[in-house]
PDB file of all heavy atoms in Angstrom:
ATOM      1  N   GLY A   1      -3.240 -11.353   5.798  1.00  0.00           N
ATOM      2  CA  GLY A   1      -3.062 -10.383   4.730  1.00  0.00           C
ATOM      3  C   GLY A   1      -1.598 -10.018   4.590  1.00  0.00           C
ATOM      4  O   GLY A   1      -0.908 -10.494   3.694  1.00  0.00           O
ATOM      5  N   TYR A   2      -1.092  -9.200   5.502  1.00  0.00           N
ATOM      6  CA  TYR A   2       0.256  -8.637   5.393  1.00  0.00           C
ATOM      7  C   TYR A   2       1.338  -9.687   5.170  1.00  0.00           C
ATOM      8  O   TYR A   2       2.231  -9.505   4.346  1.00  0.00           O
ATOM      9  CB  TYR A   2       0.547  -7.828   6.659  1.00  0.00           C
ATOM     10  CG  TYR A   2       1.840  -7.064   6.658  1.00  0.00           C
ATOM     11  CD1 TYR A   2       2.165  -6.183   5.631  1.00  0.00           C
ATOM     12  CD2 TYR A   2       2.740  -7.195   7.720  1.00  0.00           C
ATOM     13  CE1 TYR A   2       3.349  -5.465   5.654  1.00  0.00           C
ATOM     14  CE2 TYR A   2       3.916  -6.468   7.753  1.00  0.00           C
ATOM     15  CZ  TYR A   2       4.217  -5.600   6.714  1.00  0.00           C
ATOM     16  OH  TYR A   2       5.392  -4.895   6.742  1.00  0.00           O
ATOM     17  N   ALA A   3       1.243 -10.794   5.880  1.00  0.00           N
ATOM     18  CA  ALA A   3       2.278 -11.830   5.739  1.00  0.00           C
ATOM     19  C   ALA A   3       2.322 -12.403   4.328  1.00  0.00           C
ATOM     20  O   ALA A   3       3.391 -12.818   3.861  1.00  0.00           O
ATOM     21  CB  ALA A   3       2.039 -12.953   6.750  1.00  0.00           C
ATOM     22  N   LEU A   4       1.185 -12.438   3.651  1.00  0.00           N
ATOM     23  CA  LEU A   4       1.184 -12.940   2.274  1.00  0.00           C
ATOM     24  C   LEU A   4       2.115 -12.131   1.395  1.00  0.00           C
ATOM     25  O   LEU A   4       2.724 -12.650   0.456  1.00  0.00           O
ATOM     26  CB  LEU A   4      -0.226 -12.878   1.688  1.00  0.00           C
ATOM     27  CG  LEU A   4      -1.301 -13.751   2.330  1.00  0.00           C
ATOM     28  CD1 LEU A   4      -2.642 -13.463   1.670  1.00  0.00           C
ATOM     29  CD2 LEU A   4      -0.949 -15.220   2.225  1.00  0.00           C
ATOM     30  N   TYR A   5       2.241 -10.845   1.706  1.00  0.00           N
ATOM     31  CA  TYR A   5       2.988  -9.926   0.851  1.00  0.00           C
ATOM     32  C   TYR A   5       4.425  -9.712   1.322  1.00  0.00           C
ATOM     33  O   TYR A   5       5.097  -8.792   0.872  1.00  0.00           O
ATOM     34  CB  TYR A   5       2.225  -8.601   0.774  1.00  0.00           C
ATOM     35  CG  TYR A   5       0.797  -8.814   0.334  1.00  0.00           C
ATOM     36  CD1 TYR A   5      -0.247  -8.833   1.255  1.00  0.00           C
ATOM     37  CD2 TYR A   5       0.493  -9.074  -0.997  1.00  0.00           C
ATOM     38  CE1 TYR A   5      -1.551  -9.087   0.860  1.00  0.00           C
ATOM     39  CE2 TYR A   5      -0.811  -9.326  -1.407  1.00  0.00           C
ATOM     40  CZ  TYR A   5      -1.828  -9.333  -0.472  1.00  0.00           C
ATOM     41  OH  TYR A   5      -3.122  -9.594  -0.872  1.00  0.00           O
ATOM     42  N   GLY A   6       4.875 -10.588   2.215  1.00  0.00           N
ATOM     43  CA  GLY A   6       6.261 -10.558   2.649  1.00  0.00           C
ATOM     44  C   GLY A   6       6.523  -9.785   3.913  1.00  0.00           C
ATOM     45  O   GLY A   6       7.666  -9.710   4.372  1.00  0.00           O
ATOM     46  N   GLY A   7       5.479  -9.188   4.492  1.00  0.00           N
ATOM     47  CA  GLY A   7       5.657  -8.475   5.750  1.00  0.00           C
ATOM     48  C   GLY A   7       5.885  -9.445   6.897  1.00  0.00           C
ATOM     49  O   GLY A   7       5.410 -10.586   6.873  1.00  0.00           O
ATOM     50  N   ASN A   8       6.592  -8.989   7.915  1.00  0.00           N
ATOM     51  CA  ASN A   8       6.941  -9.860   9.034  1.00  0.00           C
ATOM     52  C   ASN A   8       5.787  -9.938  10.031  1.00  0.00           C
ATOM     53  O   ASN A   8       5.476  -8.949  10.702  1.00  0.00           O
ATOM     54  CB  ASN A   8       8.193  -9.341   9.741  1.00  0.00           C
ATOM     55  CG  ASN A   8       8.721 -10.322  10.781  1.00  0.00           C
ATOM     56  OD1 ASN A   8       8.110 -11.375  11.011  1.00  0.00           O
ATOM     57  ND2 ASN A   8       9.830  -9.994  11.398  1.00  0.00           N
ATOM     58  N   PRO A   9       5.139 -11.108  10.179  1.00  0.00           N
ATOM     59  CA  PRO A   9       4.066 -11.248  11.155  1.00  0.00           C
ATOM     60  C   PRO A   9       4.582 -11.462  12.573  1.00  0.00           C
ATOM     61  O   PRO A   9       3.800 -11.492  13.516  1.00  0.00           O
ATOM     62  CB  PRO A   9       3.314 -12.489  10.660  1.00  0.00           C
ATOM     63  CG  PRO A   9       4.388 -13.320  10.018  1.00  0.00           C
ATOM     64  CD  PRO A   9       5.349 -12.341   9.398  1.00  0.00           C
ATOM     65  N   THR A  10       5.894 -11.636  12.720  1.00  0.00           N
ATOM     66  CA  THR A  10       6.512 -11.865  14.033  1.00  0.00           C
ATOM     67  C   THR A  10       7.614 -10.828  14.239  1.00  0.00           C
ATOM     68  O   THR A  10       8.794 -11.156  14.180  1.00  0.00           O
ATOM     69  CB  THR A  10       7.096 -13.285  14.123  1.00  0.00           C
ATOM     70  OG1 THR A  10       8.058 -13.457  13.056  1.00  0.00           O
ATOM     71  CG2 THR A  10       6.006 -14.333  13.960  1.00  0.00           C
ATOM     72  N   PRO A  11       7.262  -9.562  14.465  1.00  0.00           N
ATOM     73  CA  PRO A  11       8.273  -8.499  14.481  1.00  0.00           C
ATOM     74  C   PRO A  11       9.310  -8.620  15.590  1.00  0.00           C
ATOM     75  O   PRO A  11      10.341  -7.948  15.520  1.00  0.00           O
ATOM     76  CB  PRO A  11       7.435  -7.226  14.639  1.00  0.00           C
ATOM     77  CG  PRO A  11       6.093  -7.658  15.085  1.00  0.00           C
ATOM     78  CD  PRO A  11       5.899  -9.040  14.576  1.00  0.00           C
ATOM     79  N   THR A  12       9.070  -9.469  16.570  1.00  0.00           N
ATOM     80  CA  THR A  12      10.089  -9.676  17.607  1.00  0.00           C
ATOM     81  C   THR A  12      11.057 -10.797  17.232  1.00  0.00           C
ATOM     82  O   THR A  12      11.961 -11.113  18.008  1.00  0.00           O
ATOM     83  CB  THR A  12       9.425 -10.008  18.955  1.00  0.00           C
ATOM     84  OG1 THR A  12       8.619 -11.194  18.808  1.00  0.00           O
ATOM     85  CG2 THR A  12       8.548  -8.858  19.416  1.00  0.00           C
ATOM     86  N   ALA A  13      10.882 -11.384  16.063  1.00  0.00           N
ATOM     87  CA  ALA A  13      11.754 -12.476  15.607  1.00  0.00           C
ATOM     88  C   ALA A  13      12.019 -12.303  14.112  1.00  0.00           C
ATOM     89  O   ALA A  13      11.504 -11.391  13.467  1.00  0.00           O
ATOM     90  CB  ALA A  13      11.089 -13.828  15.887  1.00  0.00           C
ATOM     91  N   ALA A  14      12.833 -13.204  13.573  1.00  0.00           N
ATOM     92  CA  ALA A  14      13.146 -13.144  12.144  1.00  0.00           C
ATOM     93  C   ALA A  14      11.887 -13.354  11.318  1.00  0.00           C
ATOM     94  O   ALA A  14      10.956 -14.060  11.721  1.00  0.00           O
ATOM     95  CB  ALA A  14      14.183 -14.214  11.807  1.00  0.00           C
ATOM     96  N   ASN A  15      11.866 -12.742  10.154  1.00  0.00           N
ATOM     97  CA  ASN A  15      10.707 -12.837   9.262  1.00  0.00           C
ATOM     98  C   ASN A  15      10.643 -14.225   8.638  1.00  0.00           C
ATOM     99  O   ASN A  15      11.557 -14.637   7.926  1.00  0.00           O
ATOM    100  CB  ASN A  15      10.814 -11.779   8.158  1.00  0.00           C
ATOM    101  CG  ASN A  15       9.544 -11.669   7.342  1.00  0.00           C
ATOM    102  OD1 ASN A  15       8.621 -12.464   7.481  1.00  0.00           O
ATOM    103  ND2 ASN A  15       9.488 -10.667   6.476  1.00  0.00           N
ATOM    104  N   PRO A  16       9.541 -14.972   8.884  1.00  0.00           N
ATOM    105  CA  PRO A  16       9.430 -16.315   8.308  1.00  0.00           C
ATOM    106  C   PRO A  16       8.882 -16.329   6.880  1.00  0.00           C
ATOM    107  O   PRO A  16       8.781 -17.400   6.281  1.00  0.00           O
ATOM    108  CB  PRO A  16       8.444 -17.004   9.257  1.00  0.00           C
ATOM    109  CG  PRO A  16       7.547 -15.893   9.711  1.00  0.00           C
ATOM    110  CD  PRO A  16       8.423 -14.672   9.799  1.00  0.00           C
ATOM    111  N   MET A  17       8.535 -15.161   6.347  1.00  0.00           N
ATOM    112  CA  MET A  17       7.894 -15.114   5.032  1.00  0.00           C
ATOM    113  C   MET A  17       8.911 -14.786   3.940  1.00  0.00           C
ATOM    114  O   MET A  17       9.941 -14.158   4.178  1.00  0.00           O
ATOM    115  CB  MET A  17       6.777 -14.065   5.018  1.00  0.00           C
ATOM    116  CG  MET A  17       5.831 -14.101   6.210  1.00  0.00           C
ATOM    117  SD  MET A  17       5.239 -15.759   6.682  1.00  0.00           S
ATOM    118  CE  MET A  17       4.356 -16.249   5.203  1.00  0.00           C
ATOM    119  N   ARG A  18       8.590 -15.204   2.728  1.00  0.00           N
ATOM    120  CA  ARG A  18       9.419 -14.880   1.578  1.00  0.00           C
ATOM    121  C   ARG A  18       9.179 -13.450   1.131  1.00  0.00           C
ATOM    122  O   ARG A  18       8.037 -12.983   1.135  1.00  0.00           O
ATOM    123  CB  ARG A  18       9.120 -15.832   0.416  1.00  0.00           C
ATOM    124  CG  ARG A  18       9.758 -17.195   0.552  1.00  0.00           C
ATOM    125  CD  ARG A  18       9.395 -18.123  -0.596  1.00  0.00           C
ATOM    126  NE  ARG A  18       9.622 -17.528  -1.922  1.00  0.00           N
ATOM    127  CZ  ARG A  18       9.445 -18.194  -3.064  1.00  0.00           C
ATOM    128  NH1 ARG A  18       9.022 -19.458  -3.031  1.00  0.00           N
ATOM    129  NH2 ARG A  18       9.677 -17.613  -4.230  1.00  0.00           N
ATOM    130  N   PRO A  19      10.227 -12.715   0.729  1.00  0.00           N
ATOM    131  CA  PRO A  19      10.005 -11.359   0.218  1.00  0.00           C
ATOM    132  C   PRO A  19       9.232 -11.392  -1.085  1.00  0.00           C
ATOM    133  O   PRO A  19       9.402 -12.292  -1.905  1.00  0.00           O
ATOM    134  CB  PRO A  19      11.423 -10.816   0.028  1.00  0.00           C
ATOM    135  CG  PRO A  19      12.279 -12.033  -0.125  1.00  0.00           C
ATOM    136  CD  PRO A  19      11.643 -13.096   0.721  1.00  0.00           C
ATOM    137  N   VAL A  20       8.394 -10.387  -1.280  1.00  0.00           N
ATOM    138  CA  VAL A  20       7.516 -10.341  -2.439  1.00  0.00           C
ATOM    139  C   VAL A  20       7.859  -9.189  -3.373  1.00  0.00           C
ATOM    140  O   VAL A  20       7.665  -9.297  -4.584  1.00  0.00           O
ATOM    141  CB  VAL A  20       6.041 -10.244  -1.982  1.00  0.00           C
ATOM    142  CG1 VAL A  20       5.101  -9.948  -3.139  1.00  0.00           C
ATOM    143  CG2 VAL A  20       5.626 -11.547  -1.282  1.00  0.00           C
ATOM    144  N   ILE A  21       8.367  -8.096  -2.828  1.00  0.00           N
ATOM    145  CA  ILE A  21       8.635  -6.946  -3.687  1.00  0.00           C
ATOM    146  C   ILE A  21      10.077  -6.487  -3.570  1.00  0.00           C
ATOM    147  O   ILE A  21      10.767  -6.765  -2.578  1.00  0.00           O
ATOM    148  CB  ILE A  21       7.707  -5.749  -3.371  1.00  0.00           C
ATOM    149  CG1 ILE A  21       8.028  -5.158  -1.997  1.00  0.00           C
ATOM    150  CG2 ILE A  21       6.257  -6.146  -3.493  1.00  0.00           C
ATOM    151  CD1 ILE A  21       7.411  -3.789  -1.778  1.00  0.00           C
ATOM    152  N   ALA A  22      10.513  -5.776  -4.599  1.00  0.00           N
ATOM    153  CA  ALA A  22      11.784  -5.049  -4.592  1.00  0.00           C
ATOM    154  C   ALA A  22      11.540  -3.718  -5.275  1.00  0.00           C
ATOM    155  O   ALA A  22      10.761  -3.634  -6.236  1.00  0.00           O
ATOM    156  CB  ALA A  22      12.872  -5.833  -5.318  1.00  0.00           C
ATOM    157  N   LEU A  23      12.171  -2.677  -4.776  1.00  0.00           N
ATOM    158  CA  LEU A  23      12.014  -1.338  -5.329  1.00  0.00           C
ATOM    159  C   LEU A  23      13.386  -0.726  -5.545  1.00  0.00           C
ATOM    160  O   LEU A  23      14.204  -0.684  -4.615  1.00  0.00           O
ATOM    161  CB  LEU A  23      11.182  -0.471  -4.384  1.00  0.00           C
ATOM    162  CG  LEU A  23      10.929   0.979  -4.819  1.00  0.00           C
ATOM    163  CD1 LEU A  23      10.144   1.025  -6.124  1.00  0.00           C
ATOM    164  CD2 LEU A  23      10.185   1.740  -3.713  1.00  0.00           C
ATOM    165  N   ALA A  24      13.645  -0.283  -6.763  1.00  0.00           N
ATOM    166  CA  ALA A  24      14.952   0.273  -7.088  1.00  0.00           C
ATOM    167  C   ALA A  24      14.786   1.411  -8.084  1.00  0.00           C
ATOM    168  O   ALA A  24      13.795   1.485  -8.819  1.00  0.00           O
ATOM    169  CB  ALA A  24      15.864  -0.802  -7.669  1.00  0.00           C
ATOM    170  N   ALA A  25      15.782   2.300  -8.092  1.00  0.00           N
ATOM    171  CA  ALA A  25      15.716   3.457  -8.993  1.00  0.00           C
ATOM    172  C   ALA A  25      17.116   3.818  -9.457  1.00  0.00           C
ATOM    173  O   ALA A  25      18.080   3.734  -8.690  1.00  0.00           O
ATOM    174  CB  ALA A  25      15.078   4.644  -8.287  1.00  0.00           C
TER     175      ALA A  25
END
């Protein structure tokens, strides 16, 4: 689930997933 949305499934290492969201104001 979480990894699909860009969350890091390996928090002790670099995130292997592509970012999915950006938030700006």
